[in-house]
Amino acid sequence: MVKAIINICAQANHVLNIVKAKEGFKDKSQTINHIALKYAEHHLSESLTPSLLQKAKEIENKSYVEVKETRY
């Protein structure tokens, strides 16, 4: 697992909150993983092997990912 501190604009944060609520995720980390994997599935699928896509979906389904939000 990779940990990252990211800066996002207010609009991106709003979108993340909407996707988080709509999909029932526990935290924004799960939401970001979901969005990134869906993007890869739809836009990068020809460059990804089926086994790599399967592994990505398995990672998405695990709920052990944690994120600590830092407010500045």
PDB file of N, CA and C in Angstrom:
ATOM      1  N   MET A   1       0.845  -1.167   0.000  1.00  0.00           N
ATOM      2  CA  MET A   1       0.000   0.000   0.000  1.00  0.00           C
ATOM      3  C   MET A   1       0.890   1.230   0.000  1.00  0.00           C
ATOM      4  N   VAL A   2       0.500   2.214  -0.779  1.00  0.00           N
ATOM      5  CA  VAL A   2       1.216   3.469  -0.872  1.00  0.00           C
ATOM      6  C   VAL A   2       0.408   4.543  -0.174  1.00  0.00           C
ATOM      7  N   LYS A   3       1.068   5.344   0.636  1.00  0.00           N
ATOM      8  CA  LYS A   3       0.383   6.458   1.293  1.00  0.00           C
ATOM      9  C   LYS A   3       0.796   7.732   0.591  1.00  0.00           C
ATOM     10  N   ALA A   4      -0.158   8.642   0.432  1.00  0.00           N
ATOM     11  CA  ALA A   4       0.115   9.893  -0.258  1.00  0.00           C
ATOM     12  C   ALA A   4      -0.653  11.031   0.382  1.00  0.00           C
ATOM     13  N   ILE A   5      -0.018  12.168   0.418  1.00  0.00           N
ATOM     14  CA  ILE A   5      -0.698  13.397   0.807  1.00  0.00           C
ATOM     15  C   ILE A   5      -0.946  14.135  -0.498  1.00  0.00           C
ATOM     16  N   ILE A   6      -2.208  14.453  -0.757  1.00  0.00           N
ATOM     17  CA  ILE A   6      -2.548  15.101  -2.018  1.00  0.00           C
ATOM     18  C   ILE A   6      -3.259  16.416  -1.768  1.00  0.00           C
ATOM     19  N   ASN A   7      -3.118  17.317  -2.707  1.00  0.00           N
ATOM     20  CA  ASN A   7      -3.846  18.586  -2.686  1.00  0.00           C
ATOM     21  C   ASN A   7      -4.859  18.543  -3.819  1.00  0.00           C
ATOM     22  N   ILE A   8      -6.123  18.756  -3.481  1.00  0.00           N
ATOM     23  CA  ILE A   8      -7.174  18.769  -4.491  1.00  0.00           C
ATOM     24  C   ILE A   8      -8.001  20.038  -4.320  1.00  0.00           C
ATOM     25  N   CYS A   9      -8.606  20.456  -5.410  1.00  0.00           N
ATOM     26  CA  CYS A   9      -9.441  21.656  -5.346  1.00  0.00           C
ATOM     27  C   CYS A   9     -10.777  21.313  -4.671  1.00  0.00           C
ATOM     28  N   ALA A  10     -11.520  22.338  -4.327  1.00  0.00           N
ATOM     29  CA  ALA A  10     -12.802  22.153  -3.644  1.00  0.00           C
ATOM     30  C   ALA A  10     -13.777  21.357  -4.508  1.00  0.00           C
ATOM     31  N   GLN A  11     -13.773  21.602  -5.821  1.00  0.00           N
ATOM     32  CA  GLN A  11     -14.691  20.887  -6.707  1.00  0.00           C
ATOM     33  C   GLN A  11     -14.360  19.393  -6.749  1.00  0.00           C
ATOM     34  N   ALA A  12     -13.070  19.048  -6.818  1.00  0.00           N
ATOM     35  CA  ALA A  12     -12.669  17.638  -6.819  1.00  0.00           C
ATOM     36  C   ALA A  12     -13.047  16.978  -5.496  1.00  0.00           C
ATOM     37  N   ASN A  13     -12.881  17.693  -4.399  1.00  0.00           N
ATOM     38  CA  ASN A  13     -13.267  17.173  -3.090  1.00  0.00           C
ATOM     39  C   ASN A  13     -14.766  16.910  -3.040  1.00  0.00           C
ATOM     40  N   HIS A  14     -15.544  17.812  -3.615  1.00  0.00           N
ATOM     41  CA  HIS A  14     -17.000  17.645  -3.659  1.00  0.00           C
ATOM     42  C   HIS A  14     -17.369  16.389  -4.458  1.00  0.00           C
ATOM     43  N   VAL A  15     -16.713  16.199  -5.607  1.00  0.00           N
ATOM     44  CA  VAL A  15     -16.970  15.017  -6.431  1.00  0.00           C
ATOM     45  C   VAL A  15     -16.613  13.753  -5.657  1.00  0.00           C
ATOM     46  N   LEU A  16     -15.467  13.757  -4.970  1.00  0.00           N
ATOM     47  CA  LEU A  16     -15.074  12.590  -4.173  1.00  0.00           C
ATOM     48  C   LEU A  16     -16.125  12.284  -3.102  1.00  0.00           C
ATOM     49  N   ASN A  17     -16.634  13.304  -2.454  1.00  0.00           N
ATOM     50  CA  ASN A  17     -17.660  13.097  -1.425  1.00  0.00           C
ATOM     51  C   ASN A  17     -18.931  12.502  -2.014  1.00  0.00           C
ATOM     52  N   ILE A  18     -19.312  12.943  -3.201  1.00  0.00           N
ATOM     53  CA  ILE A  18     -20.511  12.410  -3.854  1.00  0.00           C
ATOM     54  C   ILE A  18     -20.314  10.943  -4.213  1.00  0.00           C
ATOM     55  N   VAL A  19     -19.173  10.619  -4.829  1.00  0.00           N
ATOM     56  CA  VAL A  19     -18.894   9.224  -5.211  1.00  0.00           C
ATOM     57  C   VAL A  19     -18.805   8.354  -3.968  1.00  0.00           C
ATOM     58  N   LYS A  20     -18.159   8.857  -2.916  1.00  0.00           N
ATOM     59  CA  LYS A  20     -18.039   8.113  -1.656  1.00  0.00           C
ATOM     60  C   LYS A  20     -19.411   7.762  -1.098  1.00  0.00           C
ATOM     61  N   ALA A  21     -20.302   8.731  -1.066  1.00  0.00           N
ATOM     62  CA  ALA A  21     -21.647   8.494  -0.537  1.00  0.00           C
ATOM     63  C   ALA A  21     -22.449   7.568  -1.450  1.00  0.00           C
ATOM     64  N   LYS A  22     -22.369   7.809  -2.744  1.00  0.00           N
ATOM     65  CA  LYS A  22     -23.152   7.019  -3.700  1.00  0.00           C
ATOM     66  C   LYS A  22     -22.729   5.552  -3.687  1.00  0.00           C
ATOM     67  N   GLU A  23     -21.434   5.294  -3.591  1.00  0.00           N
ATOM     68  CA  GLU A  23     -20.922   3.920  -3.633  1.00  0.00           C
ATOM     69  C   GLU A  23     -20.847   3.280  -2.244  1.00  0.00           C
ATOM     70  N   GLY A  24     -21.043   4.064  -1.192  1.00  0.00           N
ATOM     71  CA  GLY A  24     -21.034   3.532   0.169  1.00  0.00           C
ATOM     72  C   GLY A  24     -19.650   3.230   0.709  1.00  0.00           C
ATOM     73  N   PHE A  25     -18.641   3.957   0.251  1.00  0.00           N
ATOM     74  CA  PHE A  25     -17.284   3.726   0.733  1.00  0.00           C
ATOM     75  C   PHE A  25     -17.110   4.323   2.131  1.00  0.00           C
ATOM     76  N   LYS A  26     -16.168   3.735   2.885  1.00  0.00           N
ATOM     77  CA  LYS A  26     -15.916   4.208   4.235  1.00  0.00           C
ATOM     78  C   LYS A  26     -15.056   5.462   4.264  1.00  0.00           C
ATOM     79  N   ASP A  27     -14.179   5.612   3.277  1.00  0.00           N
ATOM     80  CA  ASP A  27     -13.270   6.747   3.283  1.00  0.00           C
ATOM     81  C   ASP A  27     -12.913   7.173   1.862  1.00  0.00           C
ATOM     82  N   LYS A  28     -12.220   8.284   1.765  1.00  0.00           N
ATOM     83  CA  LYS A  28     -11.857   8.821   0.451  1.00  0.00           C
ATOM     84  C   LYS A  28     -10.786   7.976  -0.226  1.00  0.00           C
ATOM     85  N   SER A  29     -10.014   7.262   0.537  1.00  0.00           N
ATOM     86  CA  SER A  29      -9.005   6.386  -0.049  1.00  0.00           C
ATOM     87  C   SER A  29      -9.663   5.325  -0.930  1.00  0.00           C
ATOM     88  N   GLN A  30     -10.718   4.706  -0.426  1.00  0.00           N
ATOM     89  CA  GLN A  30     -11.453   3.723  -1.219  1.00  0.00           C
ATOM     90  C   GLN A  30     -12.052   4.392  -2.450  1.00  0.00           C
ATOM     91  N   THR A  31     -12.528   5.615  -2.290  1.00  0.00           N
ATOM     92  CA  THR A  31     -13.128   6.349  -3.400  1.00  0.00           C
ATOM     93  C   THR A  31     -12.099   6.635  -4.486  1.00  0.00           C
ATOM     94  N   ILE A  32     -10.927   7.093  -4.104  1.00  0.00           N
ATOM     95  CA  ILE A  32      -9.870   7.386  -5.069  1.00  0.00           C
ATOM     96  C   ILE A  32      -9.429   6.106  -5.773  1.00  0.00           C
ATOM     97  N   ASN A  33      -9.279   5.018  -5.029  1.00  0.00           N
ATOM     98  CA  ASN A  33      -8.928   3.733  -5.645  1.00  0.00           C
ATOM     99  C   ASN A  33      -9.976   3.327  -6.677  1.00  0.00           C
ATOM    100  N   HIS A  34     -11.239   3.457  -6.322  1.00  0.00           N
ATOM    101  CA  HIS A  34     -12.341   3.098  -7.213  1.00  0.00           C
ATOM    102  C   HIS A  34     -12.291   3.917  -8.502  1.00  0.00           C
ATOM    103  N   ILE A  35     -12.143   5.220  -8.364  1.00  0.00           N
ATOM    104  CA  ILE A  35     -12.113   6.104  -9.535  1.00  0.00           C
ATOM    105  C   ILE A  35     -10.914   5.791 -10.418  1.00  0.00           C
ATOM    106  N   ALA A  36      -9.743   5.600  -9.818  1.00  0.00           N
ATOM    107  CA  ALA A  36      -8.535   5.312 -10.599  1.00  0.00           C
ATOM    108  C   ALA A  36      -8.655   3.982 -11.333  1.00  0.00           C
ATOM    109  N   LEU A  37      -9.196   2.962 -10.669  1.00  0.00           N
ATOM    110  CA  LEU A  37      -9.323   1.648 -11.302  1.00  0.00           C
ATOM    111  C   LEU A  37     -10.382   1.657 -12.400  1.00  0.00           C
ATOM    112  N   LYS A  38     -11.464   2.398 -12.198  1.00  0.00           N
ATOM    113  CA  LYS A  38     -12.474   2.523 -13.249  1.00  0.00           C
ATOM    114  C   LYS A  38     -11.892   3.250 -14.462  1.00  0.00           C
ATOM    115  N   TYR A  39     -11.091   4.261 -14.216  1.00  0.00           N
ATOM    116  CA  TYR A  39     -10.434   4.964 -15.319  1.00  0.00           C
ATOM    117  C   TYR A  39      -9.524   4.010 -16.088  1.00  0.00           C
ATOM    118  N   ALA A  40      -8.729   3.253 -15.349  1.00  0.00           N
ATOM    119  CA  ALA A  40      -7.823   2.289 -15.991  1.00  0.00           C
ATOM    120  C   ALA A  40      -8.607   1.261 -16.800  1.00  0.00           C
ATOM    121  N   GLU A  41      -9.702   0.789 -16.248  1.00  0.00           N
ATOM    122  CA  GLU A  41     -10.519  -0.226 -16.914  1.00  0.00           C
ATOM    123  C   GLU A  41     -11.103   0.300 -18.226  1.00  0.00           C
ATOM    124  N   HIS A  42     -11.522   1.557 -18.224  1.00  0.00           N
ATOM    125  CA  HIS A  42     -12.182   2.116 -19.400  1.00  0.00           C
ATOM    126  C   HIS A  42     -11.222   2.749 -20.406  1.00  0.00           C
ATOM    127  N   HIS A  43     -10.111   3.289 -19.931  1.00  0.00           N
ATOM    128  CA  HIS A  43      -9.236   4.053 -20.818  1.00  0.00           C
ATOM    129  C   HIS A  43      -7.865   3.423 -21.049  1.00  0.00           C
ATOM    130  N   LEU A  44      -7.480   2.495 -20.203  1.00  0.00           N
ATOM    131  CA  LEU A  44      -6.160   1.883 -20.340  1.00  0.00           C
ATOM    132  C   LEU A  44      -6.232   0.383 -20.560  1.00  0.00           C
ATOM    133  N   SER A  45      -7.433  -0.136 -20.756  1.00  0.00           N
ATOM    134  CA  SER A  45      -7.621  -1.589 -20.771  1.00  0.00           C
ATOM    135  C   SER A  45      -6.812  -2.285 -21.856  1.00  0.00           C
ATOM    136  N   GLU A  46      -6.579  -1.635 -23.000  1.00  0.00           N
ATOM    137  CA  GLU A  46      -5.806  -2.314 -24.036  1.00  0.00           C
ATOM    138  C   GLU A  46      -4.336  -2.468 -23.656  1.00  0.00           C
ATOM    139  N   SER A  47      -3.851  -1.635 -22.743  1.00  0.00           N
ATOM    140  CA  SER A  47      -2.458  -1.754 -22.332  1.00  0.00           C
ATOM    141  C   SER A  47      -2.281  -2.594 -21.062  1.00  0.00           C
ATOM    142  N   LEU A  48      -3.387  -2.998 -20.454  1.00  0.00           N
ATOM    143  CA  LEU A  48      -3.328  -3.808 -19.247  1.00  0.00           C
ATOM    144  C   LEU A  48      -3.719  -5.249 -19.562  1.00  0.00           C
ATOM    145  N   THR A  49      -3.019  -6.170 -18.957  1.00  0.00           N
ATOM    146  CA  THR A  49      -3.351  -7.573 -19.159  1.00  0.00           C
ATOM    147  C   THR A  49      -4.564  -7.943 -18.316  1.00  0.00           C
ATOM    148  N   PRO A  50      -5.311  -8.978 -18.701  1.00  0.00           N
ATOM    149  CA  PRO A  50      -6.464  -9.396 -17.902  1.00  0.00           C
ATOM    150  C   PRO A  50      -6.098  -9.730 -16.452  1.00  0.00           C
ATOM    151  N   SER A  51      -4.924 -10.322 -16.240  1.00  0.00           N
ATOM    152  CA  SER A  51      -4.537 -10.668 -14.867  1.00  0.00           C
ATOM    153  C   SER A  51      -4.287  -9.415 -14.036  1.00  0.00           C
ATOM    154  N   LEU A  52      -3.742  -8.375 -14.655  1.00  0.00           N
ATOM    155  CA  LEU A  52      -3.515  -7.129 -13.937  1.00  0.00           C
ATOM    156  C   LEU A  52      -4.834  -6.438 -13.613  1.00  0.00           C
ATOM    157  N   LEU A  53      -5.783  -6.466 -14.534  1.00  0.00           N
ATOM    158  CA  LEU A  53      -7.099  -5.915 -14.261  1.00  0.00           C
ATOM    159  C   LEU A  53      -7.790  -6.671 -13.131  1.00  0.00           C
ATOM    160  N   GLN A  54      -7.654  -7.998 -13.117  1.00  0.00           N
ATOM    161  CA  GLN A  54      -8.258  -8.805 -12.057  1.00  0.00           C
ATOM    162  C   GLN A  54      -7.644  -8.459 -10.710  1.00  0.00           C
ATOM    163  N   LYS A  55      -6.327  -8.301 -10.673  1.00  0.00           N
ATOM    164  CA  LYS A  55      -5.655  -7.952  -9.425  1.00  0.00           C
ATOM    165  C   LYS A  55      -6.116  -6.576  -8.943  1.00  0.00           C
ATOM    166  N   ALA A  56      -6.295  -5.634  -9.855  1.00  0.00           N
ATOM    167  CA  ALA A  56      -6.775  -4.302  -9.500  1.00  0.00           C
ATOM    168  C   ALA A  56      -8.171  -4.373  -8.899  1.00  0.00           C
ATOM    169  N   LYS A  57      -9.033  -5.210  -9.477  1.00  0.00           N
ATOM    170  CA  LYS A  57     -10.391  -5.358  -8.939  1.00  0.00           C
ATOM    171  C   LYS A  57     -10.369  -5.991  -7.557  1.00  0.00           C
ATOM    172  N   GLU A  58      -9.456  -6.930  -7.328  1.00  0.00           N
ATOM    173  CA  GLU A  58      -9.332  -7.557  -6.006  1.00  0.00           C
ATOM    174  C   GLU A  58      -8.896  -6.523  -4.973  1.00  0.00           C
ATOM    175  N   ILE A  59      -7.964  -5.664  -5.359  1.00  0.00           N
ATOM    176  CA  ILE A  59      -7.503  -4.617  -4.453  1.00  0.00           C
ATOM    177  C   ILE A  59      -8.653  -3.669  -4.130  1.00  0.00           C
ATOM    178  N   GLU A  60      -9.441  -3.324  -5.133  1.00  0.00           N
ATOM    179  CA  GLU A  60     -10.564  -2.418  -4.933  1.00  0.00           C
ATOM    180  C   GLU A  60     -11.569  -2.991  -3.943  1.00  0.00           C
ATOM    181  N   ASN A  61     -11.762  -4.306  -3.973  1.00  0.00           N
ATOM    182  CA  ASN A  61     -12.766  -4.936  -3.123  1.00  0.00           C
ATOM    183  C   ASN A  61     -12.328  -5.090  -1.675  1.00  0.00           C
ATOM    184  N   LYS A  62     -11.036  -4.985  -1.403  1.00  0.00           N
ATOM    185  CA  LYS A  62     -10.561  -5.093  -0.025  1.00  0.00           C
ATOM    186  C   LYS A  62     -10.858  -3.800   0.709  1.00  0.00           C
ATOM    187  N   SER A  63     -11.259  -3.921   1.947  1.00  0.00           N
ATOM    188  CA  SER A  63     -11.649  -2.722   2.706  1.00  0.00           C
ATOM    189  C   SER A  63     -10.637  -2.383   3.796  1.00  0.00           C
ATOM    190  N   TYR A  64      -9.382  -2.785   3.622  1.00  0.00           N
ATOM    191  CA  TYR A  64      -8.386  -2.508   4.637  1.00  0.00           C
ATOM    192  C   TYR A  64      -7.673  -1.179   4.418  1.00  0.00           C
ATOM    193  N   VAL A  65      -7.987  -0.474   3.356  1.00  0.00           N
ATOM    194  CA  VAL A  65      -7.295   0.757   3.029  1.00  0.00           C
ATOM    195  C   VAL A  65      -7.742   1.861   3.973  1.00  0.00           C
ATOM    196  N   GLU A  66      -6.784   2.607   4.498  1.00  0.00           N
ATOM    197  CA  GLU A  66      -7.083   3.705   5.404  1.00  0.00           C
ATOM    198  C   GLU A  66      -6.508   4.983   4.829  1.00  0.00           C
ATOM    199  N   VAL A  67      -7.139   6.089   5.155  1.00  0.00           N
ATOM    200  CA  VAL A  67      -6.611   7.386   4.765  1.00  0.00           C
ATOM    201  C   VAL A  67      -6.831   8.341   5.941  1.00  0.00           C
ATOM    202  N   LYS A  68      -5.840   9.156   6.193  1.00  0.00           N
ATOM    203  CA  LYS A  68      -5.977  10.170   7.231  1.00  0.00           C
ATOM    204  C   LYS A  68      -6.055  11.505   6.529  1.00  0.00           C
ATOM    205  N   GLU A  69      -7.158  12.205   6.741  1.00  0.00           N
ATOM    206  CA  GLU A  69      -7.329  13.513   6.118  1.00  0.00           C
ATOM    207  C   GLU A  69      -6.643  14.551   6.974  1.00  0.00           C
ATOM    208  N   THR A  70      -5.902  15.401   6.326  1.00  0.00           N
ATOM    209  CA  THR A  70      -5.219  16.486   7.009  1.00  0.00           C
ATOM    210  C   THR A  70      -5.802  17.796   6.520  1.00  0.00           C
ATOM    211  N   ARG A  71      -6.243  18.601   7.427  1.00  0.00           N
ATOM    212  CA  ARG A  71      -6.817  19.896   7.062  1.00  0.00           C
ATOM    213  C   ARG A  71      -5.748  20.967   7.294  1.00  0.00           C
ATOM    214  N   TYR A  72      -5.585  21.808   6.296  1.00  0.00           N
ATOM    215  CA  TYR A  72      -4.602  22.898   6.388  1.00  0.00           C
ATOM    216  C   TYR A  72      -5.300  24.219   6.504  1.00  0.00           C
TER     217      TYR A  72
END
